[in-house]
């Protein structure tokens, strides 16, 4: 046996592990990633990529690779008890990537593996972690060629599912159980029906449903639950049985012409009590499982990895104290638990309907789908753009308006940079990198005193924190002539960004590397901001 040292050892090379490995390599951290399988998955499996995950891919520098091969999901047609009740539009959200996309997990893994390779990393396939030494932060790798290796690391992250070695060997607290198991059917098919090509649909029946999600290449992913369309849970349903059920639930004749993949399985829902134990972490399915309703599971796992990645990098580069890593579990575990409980409730409502639910779907459903506020609320939840973190050591809020609070995702929007020949850029593009971003909004009525105070605050932050914090003055109007500011100015003459952040008076927003707001306050709160930054760095 040999013994090698690395900063971070990652178990599992699915989308979650690959995201973490690519981020660590991008941020200059040494890591290794191993998987017991021979290579990326061949089946499509998880196929929905939500808006917030596309923003994560944007931050990573890989979003264009996904958009080039994926299929945008514009609308989901809604059917209840054989009748079309309306359309659920998926766009129109506050994001440069407001439309979700469909793409097989097998392609997602290949794109992330290629992205990792561009940053000098590679997956160690056919390498299973069979033992964990919690005292020495070591793992034992067993390879298919018969060799084994003990790897010592500063930190170990399990991204290999609920049955992974790390979950067996490390105590992350008792699981919070949601449900012991629901039978589900998933299949990738080609079909003939009366909906246009590349359209998606949701069919609700009495205590059963089918989601038909369009995918690239004319494939349709079917996810069915709550029905007995074939006898026995050990056998997959036939194409004829699936087609018959679709015909029954849609009210029109459906023919399945090809079945590329079909699986019948039982899914459980549960969430770990903690996502960190000393120098060990879990992410994705290793930390939380839930029914695949709304395409949330893989997306939540990828966002786990994104949250953990920048924090590990900051600690390992000696920029932040080790206590920063505590906030990973503090922030991501409540998000996962809320998702697990919410998905479980929705699944139960759909597959164990009472008479009131069925009546409401028939009578109220068509009207609710036409209400823009209802669509936006549903879209914000499913897209995960509404994910926010509660109060912790790196979340401080001193604002008193109704704009985005500390812990919430920072909104984006187009701005003009006068110092660069009036270039128009998307605000989110200025967040890319490992730095923090301080946005100083002038307010819509800028006076001399406020201008002087804001620009002084920015100069003080730049002087003390240098490259770690990038400062931008977000100006709704021109600065008074005698106010000197040589730093970055973002012109917001249309007040669009001020409206997105609900700002009328001068306000400071400190954006973290994961594009969530870490600190919000007024210029008079600058001493609190300085203390916050000194604690982070």
Protein backbone atom coordinates (compact mmCIF):
# COMPACT_ATOMS: atom_id res chain seq x y z
CA UNK A 1 0.00 0.00 0.00
CA UNK A 2 1.14 3.53 -0.79
CA UNK A 3 0.14 6.69 1.06
CA UNK A 4 -0.58 9.94 -0.78
CA UNK A 5 -1.64 13.34 0.51
CA UNK A 6 -4.21 15.67 -1.02
CA UNK A 7 -6.19 18.63 0.23
CA UNK A 8 -9.65 17.20 -0.52
CA UNK A 9 -10.64 13.64 -1.39
CA UNK A 10 -14.03 13.29 -3.09
CA UNK A 11 -15.91 9.99 -3.14
CA UNK A 12 -18.27 9.62 -6.10
CA UNK A 13 -18.06 11.09 -9.60
CA UNK A 14 -21.69 11.86 -10.29
CA UNK A 15 -22.82 15.44 -10.99
CA UNK A 16 -22.30 16.46 -7.35
CA UNK A 17 -18.77 15.11 -6.97
CA UNK A 18 -17.74 16.40 -10.40
CA UNK A 19 -19.08 19.87 -9.58
CA UNK A 20 -17.09 19.97 -6.35
CA UNK A 21 -13.90 18.67 -7.96
CA UNK A 22 -14.13 21.14 -10.85
CA UNK A 23 -14.75 24.05 -8.49
CA UNK A 24 -11.84 23.15 -6.24
CA UNK A 25 -9.51 22.83 -9.21
CA UNK A 26 -10.77 26.12 -10.65
CA UNK A 27 -10.07 27.81 -7.32
CA UNK A 28 -6.56 26.37 -7.10
CA UNK A 29 -7.12 23.57 -4.57
CA UNK A 30 -5.54 20.13 -4.94
CA UNK A 31 -8.11 17.32 -4.88
CA UNK A 32 -8.70 13.75 -5.95
CA UNK A 33 -11.99 12.22 -7.01
CA UNK A 34 -12.66 8.47 -7.21
CA UNK A 35 -15.62 6.37 -8.26
CA UNK A 36 -16.26 2.64 -8.09
CA UNK A 37 -17.80 2.59 -11.57
CA UNK A 38 -15.96 2.18 -14.88
CA UNK A 39 -16.97 5.61 -16.21
CA UNK A 40 -19.81 8.13 -16.54
CA UNK A 41 -23.31 6.70 -16.39
CA UNK A 42 -24.93 5.46 -19.57
CA UNK A 43 -28.58 6.03 -18.52
CA UNK A 44 -30.18 9.46 -18.60
CA UNK A 45 -31.48 9.32 -14.99
CA UNK A 46 -31.85 12.90 -13.62
CA UNK A 47 -32.82 15.09 -16.57
CA UNK A 48 -34.04 18.47 -15.29
CA UNK A 49 -31.59 21.34 -14.75
CA UNK A 50 -33.17 24.32 -13.02
CA UNK A 51 -32.46 28.05 -13.37
CA UNK A 52 -30.39 28.34 -10.21
CA UNK A 53 -28.19 25.42 -11.26
CA UNK A 54 -27.64 27.14 -14.61
CA UNK A 55 -26.46 30.17 -12.66
CA UNK A 56 -24.06 27.87 -10.79
CA UNK A 57 -22.77 26.56 -14.12
CA UNK A 58 -22.43 30.18 -15.27
CA UNK A 59 -20.27 30.94 -12.23
CA UNK A 60 -18.19 27.84 -12.96
CA UNK A 61 -17.70 28.86 -16.59
CA UNK A 62 -19.44 25.85 -18.15
CA UNK A 63 -23.03 27.01 -18.78
CA UNK A 64 -22.57 27.51 -22.52
CA UNK A 65 -21.58 23.85 -22.89
CA UNK A 66 -24.93 22.84 -21.39
CA UNK A 67 -27.07 25.31 -23.32
CA UNK A 68 -25.51 24.15 -26.60
CA UNK A 69 -26.84 20.58 -26.26
CA UNK A 70 -29.87 20.81 -23.95
CA UNK A 71 -33.55 21.38 -24.71
CA UNK A 72 -35.20 24.42 -23.09
CA UNK A 73 -38.41 23.63 -21.21
CA UNK A 74 -40.71 26.54 -22.02
CA UNK A 75 -44.10 25.21 -21.00
CA UNK A 76 -45.68 22.22 -19.29
CA UNK A 77 -49.21 21.45 -20.45
CA UNK A 78 -51.43 20.50 -17.50
CA UNK A 79 -54.11 17.80 -17.73
CA UNK A 80 -56.41 16.65 -14.94
CA UNK A 81 -58.69 13.63 -15.20
CA UNK A 82 -58.43 13.55 -18.98
CA UNK A 83 -59.11 17.28 -19.54
CA UNK A 84 -56.60 19.99 -20.47
CA UNK A 85 -56.81 22.60 -17.69
CA UNK A 86 -54.07 25.02 -18.74
CA UNK A 87 -50.37 25.66 -19.31
CA UNK A 88 -47.61 26.26 -16.80
CA UNK A 89 -45.03 28.59 -18.35
CA UNK A 90 -41.57 28.20 -16.87
CA UNK A 91 -39.80 31.41 -17.95
CA UNK A 92 -40.13 35.02 -16.89
CA UNK A 93 -38.13 34.64 -13.68
CA UNK A 94 -35.49 37.03 -12.35
CA UNK A 95 -32.48 35.29 -13.86
CA UNK A 96 -30.34 35.51 -17.01
CA UNK A 97 -31.09 31.78 -17.28
CA UNK A 98 -34.78 31.75 -16.41
CA UNK A 99 -35.72 28.72 -18.53
CA UNK A 100 -34.96 25.26 -17.15
CA UNK A 101 -33.43 22.75 -19.54
CA UNK A 102 -33.72 19.01 -20.00
CA UNK A 103 -30.61 16.92 -20.50
CA UNK A 104 -29.70 13.38 -19.52
CA UNK A 105 -27.52 12.93 -16.45
CA UNK A 106 -25.13 10.91 -18.61
CA UNK A 107 -24.49 14.02 -20.74
CA UNK A 108 -24.29 16.24 -17.64
CA UNK A 109 -21.57 14.01 -16.23
CA UNK A 110 -19.60 14.03 -19.48
CA UNK A 111 -19.74 17.83 -19.67
CA UNK A 112 -18.64 18.25 -16.05
CA UNK A 113 -15.86 15.67 -16.46
CA UNK A 114 -14.58 17.56 -19.52
CA UNK A 115 -14.74 20.81 -17.54
CA UNK A 116 -12.77 19.18 -14.73
CA UNK A 117 -10.17 18.00 -17.24
CA UNK A 118 -9.73 21.56 -18.54
CA UNK A 119 -8.72 22.50 -15.01
CA UNK A 120 -6.22 19.67 -14.80
CA UNK A 121 -8.33 17.12 -12.92
CA UNK A 122 -9.46 13.59 -13.76
CA UNK A 123 -11.64 10.91 -12.23
CA UNK A 124 -10.06 7.76 -10.82
CA UNK A 125 -12.54 5.18 -12.10
CA UNK A 126 -12.81 1.57 -10.87
CA UNK A 127 -11.68 2.75 -7.42
CA UNK A 128 -13.98 1.97 -4.49
CA UNK A 129 -13.58 3.44 -1.01
CA UNK A 130 -13.88 0.44 1.30
CA UNK A 131 -12.74 1.90 4.62
CA UNK A 132 -12.47 5.25 6.40
CA UNK A 133 -10.07 6.13 9.20
CA UNK A 134 -11.82 8.97 11.02
CA UNK A 135 -8.90 9.59 13.41
CA UNK A 136 -6.40 10.24 10.63
CA UNK A 137 -8.74 11.48 7.86
CA UNK A 138 -7.77 8.63 5.57
CA UNK A 139 -9.64 6.47 3.10
CA UNK A 140 -8.71 3.09 1.69
CA UNK A 141 -9.18 2.67 -2.06
CA UNK A 142 -9.72 -0.78 -3.53
CA UNK A 143 -9.15 -0.93 -7.29
CA UNK A 144 -10.45 -3.49 -9.74
CA UNK A 145 -6.90 -4.48 -10.70
CA UNK A 146 -6.47 -5.88 -7.18
CA UNK A 147 -4.32 -3.06 -5.80
CA UNK A 148 -5.27 -0.89 -2.84
CA UNK A 149 -4.18 2.49 -1.61
CA UNK A 150 -4.49 4.51 1.59
CA UNK A 151 -5.08 8.19 0.87
CA UNK A 152 -4.63 10.85 3.52
CA UNK A 153 -6.50 14.11 3.00
CA UNK A 154 -7.17 17.29 4.89
CA UNK A 155 -10.89 16.88 4.15
CA UNK A 156 -13.04 14.07 2.74
CA UNK A 157 -16.40 14.62 1.00
CA UNK A 158 -18.88 11.82 0.31
CA UNK A 159 -20.87 12.34 -2.90
CA UNK A 160 -21.59 8.66 -3.50
CA UNK A 161 -25.17 8.29 -2.32
CA UNK A 162 -26.96 7.19 0.84
CA UNK A 163 -25.33 3.74 0.76
CA UNK A 164 -21.82 5.15 0.41
CA UNK A 165 -18.93 4.25 2.67
CA UNK A 166 -18.80 7.63 4.39
CA UNK A 167 -22.40 7.30 5.56
CA UNK A 168 -21.60 3.91 7.08
CA UNK A 169 -18.36 4.92 8.77
CA UNK A 170 -19.01 8.50 9.96
CA UNK A 171 -21.76 9.62 12.33
CA UNK A 172 -23.66 12.52 10.74
CA UNK A 173 -26.50 12.20 13.19
CA UNK A 174 -29.75 10.28 12.91
CA UNK A 175 -31.53 10.57 9.58
CA UNK A 176 -34.73 12.60 9.56
CA UNK A 177 -37.04 10.13 7.85
CA UNK A 178 -39.70 11.27 5.41
CA UNK A 179 -41.12 8.04 3.98
CA UNK A 180 -39.81 4.45 3.74
CA UNK A 181 -40.59 4.09 0.05
CA UNK A 182 -42.73 5.00 -2.95
CA UNK A 183 -42.89 2.88 -6.12
CA UNK A 184 -42.01 4.83 -9.26
CA UNK A 185 -41.66 4.09 -12.95
CA UNK A 186 -39.31 6.01 -15.24
CA UNK A 187 -38.82 5.43 -18.95
CA UNK A 188 -37.23 7.15 -21.95
CA UNK A 189 -39.46 6.64 -24.97
CA UNK A 190 -40.41 7.88 -28.41
CA UNK A 191 -44.12 8.29 -28.86
CA UNK A 192 -46.89 9.42 -31.17
CA UNK A 193 -49.46 11.75 -29.67
CA UNK A 194 -51.31 14.94 -30.49
CA UNK A 195 -48.95 17.32 -28.67
CA UNK A 196 -46.32 19.18 -30.73
CA UNK A 197 -42.75 17.92 -30.75
CA UNK A 198 -40.63 19.02 -27.77
CA UNK A 199 -43.68 19.83 -25.63
CA UNK A 200 -43.89 18.57 -22.06
CA UNK A 201 -47.02 17.64 -20.14
CA UNK A 202 -48.28 16.63 -16.71
CA UNK A 203 -51.21 14.21 -16.46
CA UNK A 204 -53.09 13.90 -13.18
CA UNK A 205 -55.49 11.05 -12.56
CA UNK A 206 -57.26 9.72 -9.51
CA UNK A 207 -54.40 9.04 -7.07
CA UNK A 208 -51.87 8.80 -9.89
CA UNK A 209 -49.87 10.98 -12.24
CA UNK A 210 -47.50 10.88 -15.21
CA UNK A 211 -44.95 13.56 -16.09
CA UNK A 212 -43.92 13.53 -19.76
CA UNK A 213 -40.79 15.66 -20.13
CA UNK A 214 -39.40 16.39 -23.60
CA UNK A 215 -35.66 15.76 -23.98
CA UNK A 216 -33.13 16.39 -26.74
CA UNK A 217 -33.33 14.14 -29.79
CA UNK A 218 -37.10 13.58 -29.69
CA UNK A 219 -36.93 11.45 -26.53
CA UNK A 220 -39.63 11.85 -23.86
CA UNK A 221 -38.96 11.00 -20.22
CA UNK A 222 -41.97 9.48 -18.50
CA UNK A 223 -42.20 9.46 -14.73
CA UNK A 224 -45.25 7.67 -13.36
CA UNK A 225 -46.40 7.13 -9.80
CA UNK A 226 -49.37 5.98 -7.81
CA UNK A 227 -50.67 3.45 -10.30
CA UNK A 228 -50.65 -0.28 -10.89
CA UNK A 229 -49.84 -0.41 -14.59
CA UNK A 230 -48.07 -3.75 -14.42
CA UNK A 231 -48.11 -6.54 -11.89
CA UNK A 232 -45.30 -6.84 -9.39
CA UNK A 233 -42.67 -4.32 -8.34
CA UNK A 234 -39.83 -6.53 -9.61
CA UNK A 235 -40.67 -6.14 -13.30
CA UNK A 236 -40.66 -3.03 -15.46
CA UNK A 237 -43.94 -2.13 -17.18
CA UNK A 238 -44.30 -2.80 -20.89
CA UNK A 239 -44.52 -0.11 -23.55
CA UNK A 240 -48.12 -1.14 -24.23
CA UNK A 241 -49.04 -0.71 -20.57
CA UNK A 242 -47.43 2.75 -20.44
CA UNK A 243 -49.13 3.79 -23.66
CA UNK A 244 -52.50 2.57 -22.38
CA UNK A 245 -52.13 4.55 -19.20
CA UNK A 246 -51.10 7.70 -21.11
CA UNK A 247 -54.09 7.26 -23.40
CA UNK A 248 -56.40 6.94 -20.41
CA UNK A 249 -54.99 9.97 -18.57
CA UNK A 250 -54.63 12.28 -21.57
CA UNK A 251 -57.97 11.52 -23.17
CA UNK A 252 -56.31 10.95 -26.56
CA UNK A 253 -54.70 7.98 -28.28
CA UNK A 254 -50.98 7.59 -27.48
CA UNK A 255 -48.58 5.12 -29.09
CA UNK A 256 -45.06 4.37 -27.81
CA UNK A 257 -42.89 3.53 -30.81
CA UNK A 258 -39.58 2.94 -29.00
CA UNK A 259 -38.43 2.36 -25.44
CA UNK A 260 -34.80 3.36 -24.85
CA UNK A 261 -34.76 2.75 -21.10
CA UNK A 262 -37.27 1.77 -18.45
CA UNK A 263 -36.94 1.29 -14.71
CA UNK A 264 -39.25 0.48 -11.85
CA UNK A 265 -37.93 1.18 -8.38
CA UNK A 266 -38.81 2.36 -4.91
CA UNK A 267 -37.60 5.74 -3.69
CA UNK A 268 -37.28 6.75 -0.04
CA UNK A 269 -37.10 10.24 1.41
CA UNK A 270 -34.85 11.24 4.30
CA UNK A 271 -32.31 13.85 5.29
CA UNK A 272 -29.18 13.63 7.43
CA UNK A 273 -29.18 15.57 10.68
CA UNK A 274 -25.80 17.16 9.87
CA UNK A 275 -23.77 17.50 6.68
CA UNK A 276 -20.43 17.88 8.46
CA UNK A 277 -18.60 15.82 11.05
CA UNK A 278 -15.12 17.14 11.85
CA UNK A 279 -13.17 16.87 8.57
CA UNK A 280 -15.81 14.82 6.78
CA UNK A 281 -18.68 16.17 4.68
CA UNK A 282 -21.60 14.72 2.70
CA UNK A 283 -23.42 16.24 -0.26
CA UNK A 284 -26.16 15.29 -2.69
CA UNK A 285 -27.88 11.92 -2.24
CA UNK A 286 -25.37 11.03 0.45
CA UNK A 287 -26.97 13.78 2.54
CA UNK A 288 -30.61 13.82 1.40
CA UNK A 289 -33.06 11.73 -0.61
CA UNK A 290 -36.55 12.61 -1.74
CA UNK A 291 -39.14 11.74 -4.32
CA UNK A 292 -38.08 13.12 -7.74
CA UNK A 293 -40.95 15.57 -8.07
CA UNK A 294 -40.08 18.81 -9.85
CA UNK A 295 -36.54 17.80 -10.78
CA UNK A 296 -34.96 19.01 -7.55
CA UNK A 297 -32.62 16.25 -6.35
CA UNK A 298 -29.59 16.59 -8.64
CA UNK A 299 -29.97 20.37 -8.62
CA UNK A 300 -29.92 20.55 -4.84
CA UNK A 301 -26.86 18.30 -4.73
CA UNK A 302 -24.98 20.43 -7.26
CA UNK A 303 -25.77 23.49 -5.19
CA UNK A 304 -24.50 21.66 -2.07
CA UNK A 305 -21.19 21.19 -3.87
CA UNK A 306 -21.09 24.82 -5.03
CA UNK A 307 -21.70 26.06 -1.49
CA UNK A 308 -19.02 23.80 -0.04
CA UNK A 309 -16.47 24.37 -2.80
CA UNK A 310 -15.74 28.05 -2.26
CA UNK A 311 -15.64 27.60 1.49
CA UNK A 312 -13.13 24.75 1.35
CA UNK A 313 -11.02 26.79 -1.08
CA UNK A 314 -11.05 29.87 1.17
CA UNK A 315 -9.95 27.84 4.19
CA UNK A 316 -7.30 25.83 2.34
CA UNK A 317 -5.86 29.01 0.80
CA UNK A 318 -5.62 30.43 4.35
CA UNK A 319 -7.95 33.29 3.49
CA UNK A 320 -10.68 32.41 5.99
CA UNK A 321 -10.82 30.65 9.36
CA UNK A 322 -11.68 26.97 9.56
CA UNK A 323 -14.97 27.86 11.29
CA UNK A 324 -16.29 29.00 7.90
CA UNK A 325 -16.85 25.33 7.07
CA UNK A 326 -19.48 25.04 9.81
CA UNK A 327 -21.76 27.23 7.72
CA UNK A 328 -21.99 24.55 5.01
CA UNK A 329 -24.20 22.30 7.14
CA UNK A 330 -25.89 25.31 8.76
CA UNK A 331 -27.03 26.53 5.34
CA UNK A 332 -27.56 23.48 3.19
CA UNK A 333 -29.18 21.06 5.67
CA UNK A 334 -32.29 23.23 6.25
CA UNK A 335 -32.65 23.68 2.47
CA UNK A 336 -32.50 19.93 1.89
CA UNK A 337 -34.86 19.20 4.77
CA UNK A 338 -37.44 21.69 3.49
CA UNK A 339 -37.18 20.14 0.03
CA UNK A 340 -37.57 16.62 1.39
CA UNK A 341 -40.65 17.54 3.41
CA UNK A 342 -42.19 19.66 0.64
CA UNK A 343 -41.71 17.02 -2.05
CA UNK A 344 -43.13 14.35 0.24
CA UNK A 345 -46.25 16.39 0.94
CA UNK A 346 -46.83 17.17 -2.72
CA UNK A 347 -46.31 13.55 -3.72
CA UNK A 348 -48.81 12.40 -1.08
CA UNK A 349 -51.35 15.01 -2.22
CA UNK A 350 -51.08 13.74 -5.80
CA UNK A 351 -51.17 10.01 -5.10
CA UNK A 352 -53.54 9.93 -2.12
CA UNK A 353 -56.14 12.52 -3.08
CA UNK A 354 -59.14 13.39 -0.99
CA UNK A 355 -62.40 14.55 -2.56
CA UNK A 356 -61.66 18.21 -1.80
CA UNK A 357 -58.31 18.05 -3.63
CA UNK A 358 -59.88 16.45 -6.69
CA UNK A 359 -62.69 19.00 -6.78
CA UNK A 360 -60.24 21.89 -6.41
CA UNK A 361 -58.14 20.64 -9.33
CA UNK A 362 -61.20 20.43 -11.55
CA UNK A 363 -62.76 23.76 -10.56
CA UNK A 364 -59.92 26.01 -9.45
CA UNK A 365 -56.94 24.57 -11.33
CA UNK A 366 -57.68 26.21 -14.71
CA UNK A 367 -58.06 29.65 -13.09
CA UNK A 368 -55.00 29.31 -10.84
CA UNK A 369 -52.78 28.53 -13.83
CA UNK A 370 -53.76 31.87 -15.37
CA UNK A 371 -52.75 33.93 -12.33
CA UNK A 372 -49.28 35.36 -12.88
CA UNK A 373 -48.48 35.57 -9.15
CA UNK A 374 -49.26 31.86 -8.75
CA UNK A 375 -47.05 30.95 -11.71
CA UNK A 376 -44.22 33.10 -10.41
CA UNK A 377 -44.43 31.62 -6.92
CA UNK A 378 -44.40 28.06 -8.23
CA UNK A 379 -41.58 28.90 -10.63
CA UNK A 380 -39.45 30.51 -7.94
CA UNK A 381 -39.72 27.39 -5.77
CA UNK A 382 -39.07 24.85 -8.53
CA UNK A 383 -36.25 26.90 -10.09
CA UNK A 384 -34.58 27.12 -6.63
CA UNK A 385 -34.00 30.84 -7.20
CA UNK A 386 -35.86 31.41 -3.95
CA UNK A 387 -33.44 29.39 -1.81
CA UNK A 388 -32.25 31.57 1.06
CA UNK A 389 -30.04 30.95 4.07
CA UNK A 390 -30.99 31.81 7.62
CA UNK A 391 -28.95 33.75 10.14
CA UNK A 392 -25.49 32.37 10.79
CA UNK A 393 -21.93 33.63 11.27
CA UNK A 394 -21.64 34.87 7.66
CA UNK A 395 -25.15 36.29 7.27
CA UNK A 396 -25.78 39.77 8.68
CA UNK A 397 -28.69 42.02 7.77
CA UNK A 398 -29.22 45.64 8.85
CA UNK A 399 -31.65 46.65 6.12
CA UNK A 400 -35.20 47.73 6.83
CA UNK A 401 -36.81 47.56 3.39
CA UNK A 402 -38.52 44.76 1.49
CA UNK A 403 -35.63 44.13 -0.90
CA UNK A 404 -33.49 41.00 -1.01
CA UNK A 405 -32.13 40.25 2.44
CA UNK A 406 -28.81 38.86 3.54
CA UNK A 407 -28.85 35.11 2.88
CA UNK A 408 -30.91 35.43 -0.28
CA UNK A 409 -29.61 35.07 -3.83
CA UNK A 410 -28.40 38.36 -5.33
CA UNK A 411 -30.58 39.51 -8.25
CA UNK A 412 -29.03 40.27 -11.62
CA UNK A 413 -29.78 42.69 -14.44
CA UNK A 414 -28.09 44.67 -17.22
CA UNK A 415 -25.85 47.59 -16.24
CA UNK A 416 -23.60 49.98 -18.14
CA UNK A 417 -19.92 50.45 -17.29
CA UNK A 418 -19.00 54.03 -18.30
CA UNK A 419 -15.29 53.39 -17.74
CA UNK A 420 -15.22 50.68 -20.42
CA UNK A 421 -16.61 52.61 -23.40
CA UNK A 422 -20.13 52.22 -21.99
CA UNK A 423 -20.11 48.44 -22.17
CA UNK A 424 -23.37 46.74 -21.15
CA UNK A 425 -22.88 43.73 -18.90
CA UNK A 426 -25.03 41.38 -16.84
CA UNK A 427 -24.48 42.09 -13.14
CA UNK A 428 -23.93 38.41 -12.38
CA UNK A 429 -20.93 38.37 -14.72
CA UNK A 430 -19.13 40.68 -12.29
CA UNK A 431 -19.50 38.11 -9.51
CA UNK A 432 -17.56 35.36 -11.33
CA UNK A 433 -14.35 34.30 -9.59
CA UNK A 434 -13.30 33.65 -6.01
CA UNK A 435 -13.71 37.25 -4.84
CA UNK A 436 -16.50 38.84 -2.84
CA UNK A 437 -18.36 41.76 -4.43
CA UNK A 438 -19.45 44.96 -2.66
CA UNK A 439 -22.29 46.81 -4.38
CA UNK A 440 -22.79 50.35 -3.10
CA UNK A 441 -26.13 51.69 -4.35
CA UNK A 442 -26.36 55.47 -4.45
CA UNK A 443 -30.12 55.54 -4.12
CA UNK A 444 -32.44 57.29 -6.55
CA UNK A 445 -31.88 60.78 -5.07
CA UNK A 446 -28.14 61.19 -4.55
CA UNK A 447 -26.92 64.18 -2.53
CA UNK A 448 -23.39 65.42 -1.82
CA UNK A 449 -23.14 64.02 1.70
CA UNK A 450 -24.24 60.53 0.71
CA UNK A 451 -21.91 60.50 -2.30
CA UNK A 452 -18.95 61.44 -0.14
CA UNK A 453 -19.76 58.79 2.48
CA UNK A 454 -20.34 55.99 -0.03
CA UNK A 455 -17.16 56.60 -2.00
CA UNK A 456 -15.13 56.82 1.22
CA UNK A 457 -16.53 53.46 2.35
CA UNK A 458 -15.54 51.88 -0.95
CA UNK A 459 -12.01 53.26 -0.79
CA UNK A 460 -11.63 51.96 2.78
CA UNK A 461 -12.73 48.45 1.77
CA UNK A 462 -10.41 48.42 -1.25
CA UNK A 463 -7.49 49.63 0.85
CA UNK A 464 -7.89 47.01 3.57
CA UNK A 465 -9.15 43.96 1.66
CA UNK A 466 -7.57 44.47 -1.76
CA UNK A 467 -8.30 41.73 -4.31
CA UNK A 468 -10.49 39.72 -1.95
CA UNK A 469 -13.36 42.22 -2.29
CA UNK A 470 -14.22 43.87 -5.61
CA UNK A 471 -16.11 47.16 -5.18
CA UNK A 472 -18.67 48.71 -7.54
CA UNK A 473 -20.59 51.96 -7.18
CA UNK A 474 -24.11 51.40 -8.55
CA UNK A 475 -25.15 54.90 -9.53
CA UNK A 476 -28.68 55.95 -10.40
CA UNK A 477 -27.39 59.40 -11.41
CA UNK A 478 -24.11 61.17 -12.02
CA UNK A 479 -21.87 61.88 -9.05
CA UNK A 480 -21.43 65.48 -7.92
CA UNK A 481 -18.47 67.02 -9.76
CA UNK A 482 -16.31 67.50 -6.67
CA UNK A 483 -16.63 63.84 -5.56
CA UNK A 484 -13.63 61.79 -6.65
CA UNK A 485 -14.10 58.10 -7.36
CA UNK A 486 -11.67 56.28 -9.61
CA UNK A 487 -13.02 52.78 -8.98
CA UNK A 488 -15.68 50.84 -10.87
CA UNK A 489 -18.98 52.58 -11.54
CA UNK A 490 -22.09 50.80 -12.79
CA UNK A 491 -24.61 53.12 -14.36
CA UNK A 492 -28.23 52.35 -13.47
CA UNK A 493 -29.93 55.36 -15.01
CA UNK A 494 -33.12 53.37 -15.65
CA UNK A 495 -33.18 52.35 -11.96
CA UNK A 496 -33.74 48.74 -12.98
CA UNK A 497 -31.17 47.38 -10.52
CA UNK A 498 -32.32 49.75 -7.80
CA UNK A 499 -35.81 48.32 -8.28
CA UNK A 500 -34.54 44.72 -8.29
CA UNK A 501 -32.85 45.37 -4.94
CA UNK A 502 -35.76 47.61 -3.81
CA UNK A 503 -33.39 50.49 -3.09
CA UNK A 504 -34.33 54.17 -2.93
CA UNK A 505 -31.81 55.31 -0.29
CA UNK A 506 -28.06 54.48 -0.30
CA UNK A 507 -27.47 50.82 0.57
CA UNK A 508 -24.57 48.37 0.75
CA UNK A 509 -24.81 44.75 -0.42
CA UNK A 510 -21.87 42.37 0.03
CA UNK A 511 -22.15 39.41 -2.36
CA UNK A 512 -20.44 36.11 -1.52
CA UNK A 513 -18.58 33.96 -4.09
CA UNK A 514 -21.71 31.78 -4.41
CA UNK A 515 -23.78 34.85 -5.40
CA UNK A 516 -25.75 34.98 -2.14
CA UNK A 517 -25.89 38.19 -0.13
CA UNK A 518 -23.67 37.98 2.94
CA UNK A 519 -24.20 41.48 4.38
CA UNK A 520 -26.80 44.18 3.85
CA UNK A 521 -26.77 47.59 5.46
CA UNK A 522 -26.64 51.34 5.01
CA UNK A 523 -23.47 53.41 4.63
CA UNK A 524 -23.79 54.32 8.30
CA UNK A 525 -23.33 50.59 9.02
CA UNK A 526 -19.85 50.58 7.45
CA UNK A 527 -18.13 49.82 10.82
CA UNK A 528 -20.31 46.71 11.05
CA UNK A 529 -19.33 45.78 7.50
CA UNK A 530 -15.63 46.24 8.34
CA UNK A 531 -15.99 43.99 11.39
CA UNK A 532 -17.83 41.40 9.28
CA UNK A 533 -15.07 41.35 6.67
CA UNK A 534 -12.33 41.05 9.28
CA UNK A 535 -14.12 38.03 10.71
CA UNK A 536 -14.38 36.41 7.25
CA UNK A 537 -10.77 37.14 6.31
